[in-house]
Amino acid sequence: MADRQHSAAESKAENGTEREHWARRMERTARRFALATLAIGILVVAAIAWQARPSGGWAFVAIPFGAAAGAYWLLTRKVRRRRAILAQPFPVEWEAVLQREVVFFRALEPAEKQRFRREIQLFLGEKRVTGIGMQVDATTRVLTAASAIIPIFGFPEWEWNQINEVLIYPSRFNQDFSFEEGAGRHTLGMVGTGPMNGLMILVKPDLLHGFRNAADKHNVGIHEFAHLVDKSDGAIDGLPGVGLDRQAIGPWVDLMRRKMLEIEQGDSDIDPYALTNEAEFFAVTTEYFFERPGVMQRKHPELYTMLEKVFRQDLHARKGALAAERLRGRPEFGRNSPCPCGSGVKYKKCCLRKARRAA
């Protein structure tokens, strides 16, 4: 089943149609709503005209048409914005970051890489990444976006409605969100709740380290976005609202308890921070799943299978590519590298040349 799902995902990626299907559905819905608005408006105007026989002429009959046009414009605003974002060429600086820092990206097939780039563009085009006491560079922005895309890459039409802005701190912080003074400055990242709902905090050095050491089973960016995947049902409780049907919830809870007991007894290589609660267990094991899927599959096969269902990603199929990319280290991307558009031509002879002509 996992292989069939993976093949279907690749087929969709080759056509690049997932988001376009969404856009067409939104446009169809908008048209229906606009037509309904027009029909109701015409009936109301006709009733008023029949009863009142206004002396101002029939100019007011244009109101329903204006209301319908306005409804369509409002309902398709997101579609137009996204098409404008995706119409922009993928920045070479962003491509260099992905090639240099993101092992997961380098292990993808060409069509999947193109879809990953589009998701990066949409995330950075719609969400704010704000530096606190510092400037945010391209590397930090792209790795923040990559942290969001990796866990939901198995959901081609995923919407990050749970977050509006990511705050980037220059160093670790305490419970008062201070990174300059005070005790207890040990926090690497967090998902906001209550008054801070819709916000996330990531610490830049730890975000960078999570991608530059792709073998230690730690990645704070993926960890925090795993909490938001968990929150897809409204609660951060270790019971994600996606991937698992109702029949699988009981076995998942039982598996978490057994694995937490193994950690307590010192019989596990899972980070002890997973013992904090079920929500942290889910986030910690998500880091492990995406950084060392082969190791997890060998040491924790039942846990691996469950997380494969949650995230709808068959990392076993990419195990060899992921291992090879980890061994290869951090390649550089330059003018003579293959163009990120997938044309097979050198970047300097393809999109770079087009960008210079457009400029």
Protein backbone atom coordinates (compact mmCIF):
# COMPACT_ATOMS: atom_id res chain seq x y z
CA MET A 1 0.00 0.00 0.00
CA ALA A 2 2.80 2.42 0.90
CA ASP A 3 4.51 1.79 -2.45
CA ARG A 4 1.28 2.45 -4.35
CA GLN A 5 0.70 5.68 -2.41
CA HIS A 6 4.26 6.79 -3.08
CA SER A 7 3.90 6.12 -6.81
CA ALA A 8 0.67 8.10 -6.93
CA ALA A 9 2.31 11.00 -5.15
CA GLU A 10 5.20 10.96 -7.63
CA SER A 11 2.77 10.90 -10.56
CA LYS A 12 0.99 13.96 -9.22
CA ALA A 13 4.30 15.70 -8.61
CA GLU A 14 5.35 15.11 -12.22
CA ASN A 15 2.32 16.98 -13.47
CA GLY A 16 2.60 19.68 -10.81
CA THR A 17 -1.18 19.73 -10.51
CA GLU A 18 -1.95 19.38 -6.78
CA ARG A 19 -2.19 23.10 -6.07
CA GLU A 20 -3.80 23.79 -9.44
CA HIS A 21 -6.54 21.26 -8.63
CA TRP A 22 -7.10 23.18 -5.40
CA ALA A 23 -7.21 26.48 -7.30
CA ARG A 24 -9.78 25.15 -9.76
CA ARG A 25 -11.97 23.88 -6.94
CA MET A 26 -11.80 27.28 -5.27
CA GLU A 27 -12.71 28.99 -8.55
CA ARG A 28 -15.66 26.63 -9.11
CA THR A 29 -16.89 27.28 -5.58
CA ALA A 30 -16.49 31.03 -6.09
CA ARG A 31 -18.45 30.91 -9.36
CA ARG A 32 -21.30 29.00 -7.74
CA PHE A 33 -21.42 31.42 -4.83
CA ALA A 34 -21.30 34.41 -7.20
CA LEU A 35 -24.13 32.99 -9.33
CA ALA A 36 -26.19 32.34 -6.20
CA THR A 37 -25.50 35.89 -5.05
CA LEU A 38 -26.55 37.21 -8.46
CA ALA A 39 -29.75 35.17 -8.54
CA ILE A 40 -30.79 36.21 -5.04
CA GLY A 41 -29.88 39.83 -5.79
CA ILE A 42 -31.97 39.87 -8.97
CA LEU A 43 -34.95 38.44 -7.09
CA VAL A 44 -34.62 41.04 -4.34
CA VAL A 45 -34.26 43.90 -6.83
CA ALA A 46 -37.24 42.64 -8.82
CA ALA A 47 -39.36 42.48 -5.67
CA ILE A 48 -38.35 45.99 -4.65
CA ALA A 49 -39.04 47.31 -8.15
CA TRP A 50 -42.45 45.66 -8.23
CA GLN A 51 -43.47 47.07 -4.86
CA ALA A 52 -41.83 50.50 -4.81
CA ARG A 53 -41.49 51.38 -8.51
CA PRO A 54 -38.47 53.61 -7.78
CA SER A 55 -38.29 56.94 -9.55
CA GLY A 56 -34.51 56.77 -9.93
CA GLY A 57 -34.76 54.52 -12.94
CA TRP A 58 -33.37 51.03 -13.26
CA ALA A 59 -29.73 51.82 -12.52
CA PHE A 60 -29.98 50.02 -9.19
CA VAL A 61 -30.42 46.69 -11.01
CA ALA A 62 -26.61 46.74 -11.42
CA ILE A 63 -26.25 46.13 -7.68
CA PRO A 64 -26.65 42.31 -7.87
CA PHE A 65 -24.04 42.12 -10.64
CA GLY A 66 -21.63 44.19 -8.56
CA ALA A 67 -22.25 42.04 -5.50
CA ALA A 68 -21.65 38.85 -7.50
CA ALA A 69 -18.43 40.21 -8.99
CA GLY A 70 -17.25 41.32 -5.56
CA ALA A 71 -17.99 37.90 -4.05
CA TYR A 72 -16.02 36.15 -6.81
CA TRP A 73 -13.11 38.54 -6.40
CA LEU A 74 -12.95 38.02 -2.64
CA LEU A 75 -13.25 34.23 -2.82
CA THR A 76 -10.52 33.89 -5.46
CA ARG A 77 -8.09 36.38 -3.92
CA LYS A 78 -5.96 33.60 -2.40
CA VAL A 79 -5.84 31.77 -5.73
CA ARG A 80 -4.62 34.88 -7.55
CA ARG A 81 -2.04 35.62 -4.87
CA ARG A 82 -0.64 32.10 -5.04
CA ARG A 83 -0.44 32.11 -8.81
CA ALA A 84 1.47 35.39 -8.62
CA ILE A 85 3.88 33.88 -6.07
CA LEU A 86 4.49 30.79 -8.18
CA ALA A 87 4.94 32.86 -11.34
CA GLN A 88 8.18 34.21 -9.87
CA PRO A 89 11.41 32.32 -10.66
CA PHE A 90 12.81 30.31 -7.79
CA PRO A 91 15.68 32.41 -6.36
CA VAL A 92 19.11 30.93 -6.98
CA GLU A 93 20.10 31.85 -3.42
CA TRP A 94 17.26 29.69 -2.09
CA GLU A 95 18.29 26.84 -4.38
CA ALA A 96 21.83 27.07 -3.04
CA VAL A 97 20.52 26.75 0.53
CA LEU A 98 18.42 23.69 -0.33
CA GLN A 99 21.30 22.01 -2.14
CA ARG A 100 23.79 22.80 0.59
CA GLU A 101 21.76 22.29 3.76
CA VAL A 102 18.69 20.07 3.20
CA VAL A 103 19.48 16.37 2.83
CA PHE A 104 15.77 15.53 2.51
CA PHE A 105 15.49 17.79 -0.55
CA ARG A 106 18.60 16.41 -2.25
CA ALA A 107 17.27 12.84 -1.89
CA LEU A 108 14.05 13.63 -3.80
CA GLU A 109 13.35 12.78 -7.42
CA PRO A 110 13.48 15.75 -9.85
CA ALA A 111 9.68 16.15 -10.03
CA GLU A 112 9.44 15.98 -6.25
CA LYS A 113 12.16 18.60 -5.93
CA GLN A 114 10.13 20.92 -8.12
CA ARG A 115 7.08 20.45 -5.90
CA PHE A 116 9.24 21.08 -2.81
CA ARG A 117 10.45 24.37 -4.35
CA ARG A 118 6.86 25.45 -5.04
CA GLU A 119 5.88 24.71 -1.44
CA ILE A 120 8.86 26.75 -0.22
CA GLN A 121 7.73 29.67 -2.39
CA LEU A 122 4.18 29.49 -1.07
CA PHE A 123 5.22 29.25 2.57
CA LEU A 124 7.60 32.20 2.37
CA GLY A 125 5.12 34.14 0.24
CA GLU A 126 2.31 33.75 2.76
CA LYS A 127 3.98 33.50 6.19
CA ARG A 128 6.20 36.03 7.92
CA VAL A 129 9.66 35.07 9.17
CA THR A 130 10.76 37.85 11.52
CA GLY A 131 14.09 38.33 13.24
CA ILE A 132 14.02 39.46 16.88
CA GLY A 133 17.09 41.57 17.61
CA MET A 134 18.66 40.38 14.36
CA GLN A 135 18.32 40.36 10.59
CA VAL A 136 16.98 37.20 8.96
CA ASP A 137 19.11 35.96 6.07
CA ALA A 138 18.07 33.73 3.17
CA THR A 139 19.47 30.61 4.80
CA THR A 140 17.34 31.06 7.90
CA ARG A 141 14.19 31.82 5.88
CA VAL A 142 14.60 28.82 3.59
CA LEU A 143 15.42 26.41 6.44
CA THR A 144 12.40 27.65 8.36
CA ALA A 145 10.24 26.90 5.33
CA ALA A 146 11.93 23.53 4.76
CA SER A 147 11.15 22.63 8.38
CA ALA A 148 7.48 23.20 7.57
CA ILE A 149 7.46 21.37 4.24
CA ILE A 150 9.30 18.17 5.21
CA PRO A 151 6.70 16.77 7.64
CA ILE A 152 3.72 17.56 5.40
CA PHE A 153 5.28 16.61 2.06
CA GLY A 154 2.98 13.59 1.95
CA PHE A 155 -0.03 15.94 1.94
CA PRO A 156 0.18 17.82 -1.39
CA GLU A 157 -2.65 20.23 -0.53
CA TRP A 158 -1.75 20.89 3.11
CA GLU A 159 -2.68 24.32 4.44
CA TRP A 160 -0.66 25.82 7.32
CA ASN A 161 -3.65 27.58 8.84
CA GLN A 162 -2.25 27.10 12.36
CA ILE A 163 0.58 29.58 11.89
CA ASN A 164 0.98 33.15 10.65
CA GLU A 165 4.50 34.10 11.69
CA VAL A 166 7.78 32.53 12.79
CA LEU A 167 9.96 34.58 15.12
CA ILE A 168 13.70 33.94 14.87
CA TYR A 169 15.69 34.44 18.08
CA PRO A 170 19.50 34.84 18.06
CA SER A 171 19.97 32.50 21.05
CA ARG A 172 18.06 30.27 23.43
CA PHE A 173 15.46 31.83 25.69
CA ASN A 174 13.68 31.27 29.01
CA GLN A 175 10.04 31.11 30.08
CA ASP A 176 9.86 34.90 29.95
CA PHE A 177 11.00 34.78 26.29
CA SER A 178 14.22 36.56 27.22
CA PHE A 179 17.37 35.61 25.33
CA GLU A 180 19.62 38.32 26.76
CA GLU A 181 19.40 37.93 30.53
CA GLY A 182 17.87 35.83 33.27
CA ALA A 183 18.22 32.21 34.27
CA GLY A 184 16.88 29.16 32.50
CA ARG A 185 17.65 30.18 28.92
CA HIS A 186 17.49 26.65 27.54
CA THR A 187 14.53 26.69 25.14
CA LEU A 188 15.34 25.99 21.47
CA GLY A 189 11.87 26.64 20.05
CA MET A 190 8.18 26.69 20.83
CA VAL A 191 4.70 26.85 19.33
CA GLY A 192 2.65 29.73 20.69
CA THR A 193 -0.63 29.19 22.50
CA GLY A 194 -3.23 31.55 23.95
CA PRO A 195 -2.26 35.17 23.19
CA MET A 196 0.64 33.85 21.07
CA ASN A 197 -1.52 31.52 19.01
CA GLY A 198 -0.39 31.55 15.37
CA LEU A 199 3.23 32.24 16.31
CA MET A 200 6.29 30.01 16.49
CA ILE A 201 9.72 30.79 17.91
CA LEU A 202 12.88 29.18 16.53
CA VAL A 203 16.45 29.81 17.67
CA LYS A 204 18.69 30.42 14.67
CA PRO A 205 21.85 28.52 15.77
CA ASP A 206 19.78 25.46 16.69
CA LEU A 207 17.77 25.66 13.48
CA LEU A 208 20.99 25.68 11.43
CA HIS A 209 22.53 22.88 13.49
CA GLY A 210 19.47 20.71 12.94
CA PHE A 211 20.07 20.69 9.19
CA ARG A 212 23.86 20.71 9.23
CA ASN A 213 24.00 17.61 11.42
CA ALA A 214 21.54 15.37 9.61
CA ALA A 215 22.49 12.22 11.50
CA ASP A 216 21.92 13.09 15.18
CA LYS A 217 18.11 12.61 15.12
CA HIS A 218 17.61 16.22 16.23
CA ASN A 219 16.04 19.03 14.21
CA VAL A 220 14.25 21.75 16.16
CA GLY A 221 12.48 23.12 13.08
CA ILE A 222 10.91 19.76 12.23
CA HIS A 223 10.17 19.25 15.95
CA GLU A 224 8.13 22.44 16.25
CA PHE A 225 6.24 21.94 13.01
CA ALA A 226 5.47 18.37 14.15
CA HIS A 227 3.63 20.00 17.06
CA LEU A 228 1.51 21.89 14.52
CA VAL A 229 0.78 18.67 12.61
CA ASP A 230 -0.29 17.27 15.96
CA LYS A 231 -2.47 20.36 16.43
CA SER A 232 -4.36 19.73 13.19
CA ASP A 233 -7.27 18.38 15.28
CA GLY A 234 -7.14 21.40 17.60
CA ALA A 235 -4.99 19.96 20.41
CA ILE A 236 -1.26 19.32 20.89
CA ASP A 237 -1.56 16.00 22.68
CA GLY A 238 0.50 13.47 20.73
CA LEU A 239 -2.60 12.25 18.87
CA PRO A 240 -2.29 13.78 15.37
CA GLY A 241 -5.53 14.48 13.57
CA VAL A 242 -4.12 13.19 10.28
CA GLY A 243 -2.81 9.90 9.01
CA LEU A 244 -4.35 7.67 11.69
CA ASP A 245 -7.96 6.52 11.58
CA ARG A 246 -9.99 5.95 14.73
CA GLN A 247 -9.08 2.27 14.88
CA ALA A 248 -5.37 3.17 14.94
CA ILE A 249 -5.57 5.63 17.87
CA GLY A 250 -5.69 2.91 20.53
CA PRO A 251 -2.66 1.01 19.17
CA TRP A 252 -0.78 4.32 18.79
CA VAL A 253 -1.41 5.27 22.44
CA ASP A 254 -0.34 1.80 23.56
CA LEU A 255 2.81 2.00 21.43
CA MET A 256 3.72 5.41 22.88
CA ARG A 257 3.39 4.07 26.42
CA ARG A 258 5.53 1.02 25.67
CA LYS A 259 8.24 3.11 24.00
CA MET A 260 8.23 5.64 26.85
CA LEU A 261 8.69 2.77 29.31
CA GLU A 262 11.69 1.55 27.30
CA ILE A 263 13.22 5.05 27.52
CA GLU A 264 12.64 5.15 31.29
CA GLN A 265 14.37 1.78 31.66
CA GLY A 266 17.35 2.91 29.56
CA ASP A 267 16.58 0.42 26.78
CA SER A 268 16.06 2.94 23.97
CA ASP A 269 18.06 5.32 21.78
CA ILE A 270 15.10 7.74 21.64
CA ASP A 271 15.93 11.10 23.26
CA PRO A 272 14.72 11.10 26.90
CA TYR A 273 13.04 14.46 26.26
CA ALA A 274 10.28 12.32 24.73
CA LEU A 275 9.28 11.40 28.31
CA THR A 276 8.04 14.95 28.95
CA ASN A 277 4.56 14.04 27.67
CA GLU A 278 2.84 12.40 24.70
CA ALA A 279 3.07 15.60 22.62
CA GLU A 280 6.85 15.74 23.04
CA PHE A 281 7.13 12.02 22.35
CA PHE A 282 5.43 12.59 19.00
CA ALA A 283 7.66 15.56 18.11
CA VAL A 284 10.91 13.87 19.22
CA THR A 285 10.17 10.68 17.30
CA THR A 286 9.20 12.77 14.26
CA GLU A 287 12.73 14.22 14.26
CA TYR A 288 14.13 10.68 14.46
CA PHE A 289 11.81 9.48 11.66
CA PHE A 290 12.89 12.12 9.17
CA GLU A 291 16.60 12.23 10.06
CA ARG A 292 17.35 8.50 10.44
CA PRO A 293 14.46 6.53 8.93
CA GLY A 294 16.62 3.49 8.23
CA VAL A 295 17.81 3.30 11.84
CA MET A 296 14.28 3.74 13.18
CA GLN A 297 12.94 1.07 10.87
CA ARG A 298 15.61 -1.34 12.12
CA LYS A 299 15.41 -0.52 15.84
CA HIS A 300 11.75 0.51 16.17
CA PRO A 301 9.86 -1.11 13.25
CA GLU A 302 6.41 -0.71 14.79
CA LEU A 303 7.02 2.96 15.55
CA TYR A 304 8.40 3.54 12.06
CA THR A 305 5.31 1.96 10.47
CA MET A 306 2.98 4.13 12.55
CA LEU A 307 4.81 7.35 11.68
CA GLU A 308 4.89 6.33 8.03
CA LYS A 309 1.08 6.21 8.19
CA VAL A 310 0.83 9.53 10.03
CA PHE A 311 2.99 11.44 7.55
CA ARG A 312 2.05 9.40 4.45
CA GLN A 313 5.69 9.20 3.43
CA ASP A 314 7.51 6.03 2.46
CA LEU A 315 11.01 7.01 3.57
CA HIS A 316 12.13 3.41 3.13
CA ALA A 317 12.05 4.02 -0.62
CA ARG A 318 14.41 6.98 -0.12
CA LYS A 319 16.61 5.33 2.50
CA GLY A 320 19.50 4.75 0.12
CA ALA A 321 19.33 8.25 -1.35
CA LEU A 322 19.17 9.82 2.12
CA ALA A 323 22.17 7.82 3.32
CA ALA A 324 24.16 8.72 0.20
CA GLU A 325 23.40 12.41 0.59
CA ARG A 326 24.43 12.37 4.25
CA LEU A 327 27.76 10.84 3.26
CA ARG A 328 28.23 13.30 0.39
CA GLY A 329 28.21 16.26 2.76
CA ARG A 330 27.26 19.81 1.81
CA PRO A 331 27.59 20.45 -1.95
CA GLU A 332 27.79 23.97 -3.33
CA PHE A 333 25.40 25.37 -5.93
CA GLY A 334 26.75 27.74 -8.55
CA ARG A 335 26.50 29.03 -12.11
CA ASN A 336 27.64 25.71 -13.59
CA SER A 337 25.24 23.56 -11.53
CA PRO A 338 22.21 21.94 -13.18
CA CYS A 339 19.39 24.48 -13.37
CA PRO A 340 16.83 24.09 -10.56
CA CYS A 341 13.99 24.25 -13.09
CA GLY A 342 14.85 20.67 -14.07
CA SER A 343 15.72 21.45 -17.70
CA GLY A 344 19.01 19.56 -17.49
CA VAL A 345 20.89 22.65 -18.73
CA LYS A 346 23.44 24.52 -16.64
CA TYR A 347 21.93 27.24 -14.48
CA LYS A 348 23.93 30.01 -16.20
CA LYS A 349 22.51 29.01 -19.59
CA CYS A 350 18.93 28.59 -18.42
CA CYS A 351 17.10 30.46 -15.65
CA LEU A 352 19.99 32.80 -14.84
CA ARG A 353 20.06 33.97 -18.46
CA LYS A 354 16.25 34.37 -18.46
CA ALA A 355 16.34 36.33 -15.23
CA ARG A 356 18.98 38.71 -16.60
CA ARG A 357 16.99 39.26 -19.77
CA ALA A 358 13.86 39.98 -17.75
CA ALA A 359 15.80 42.45 -15.58
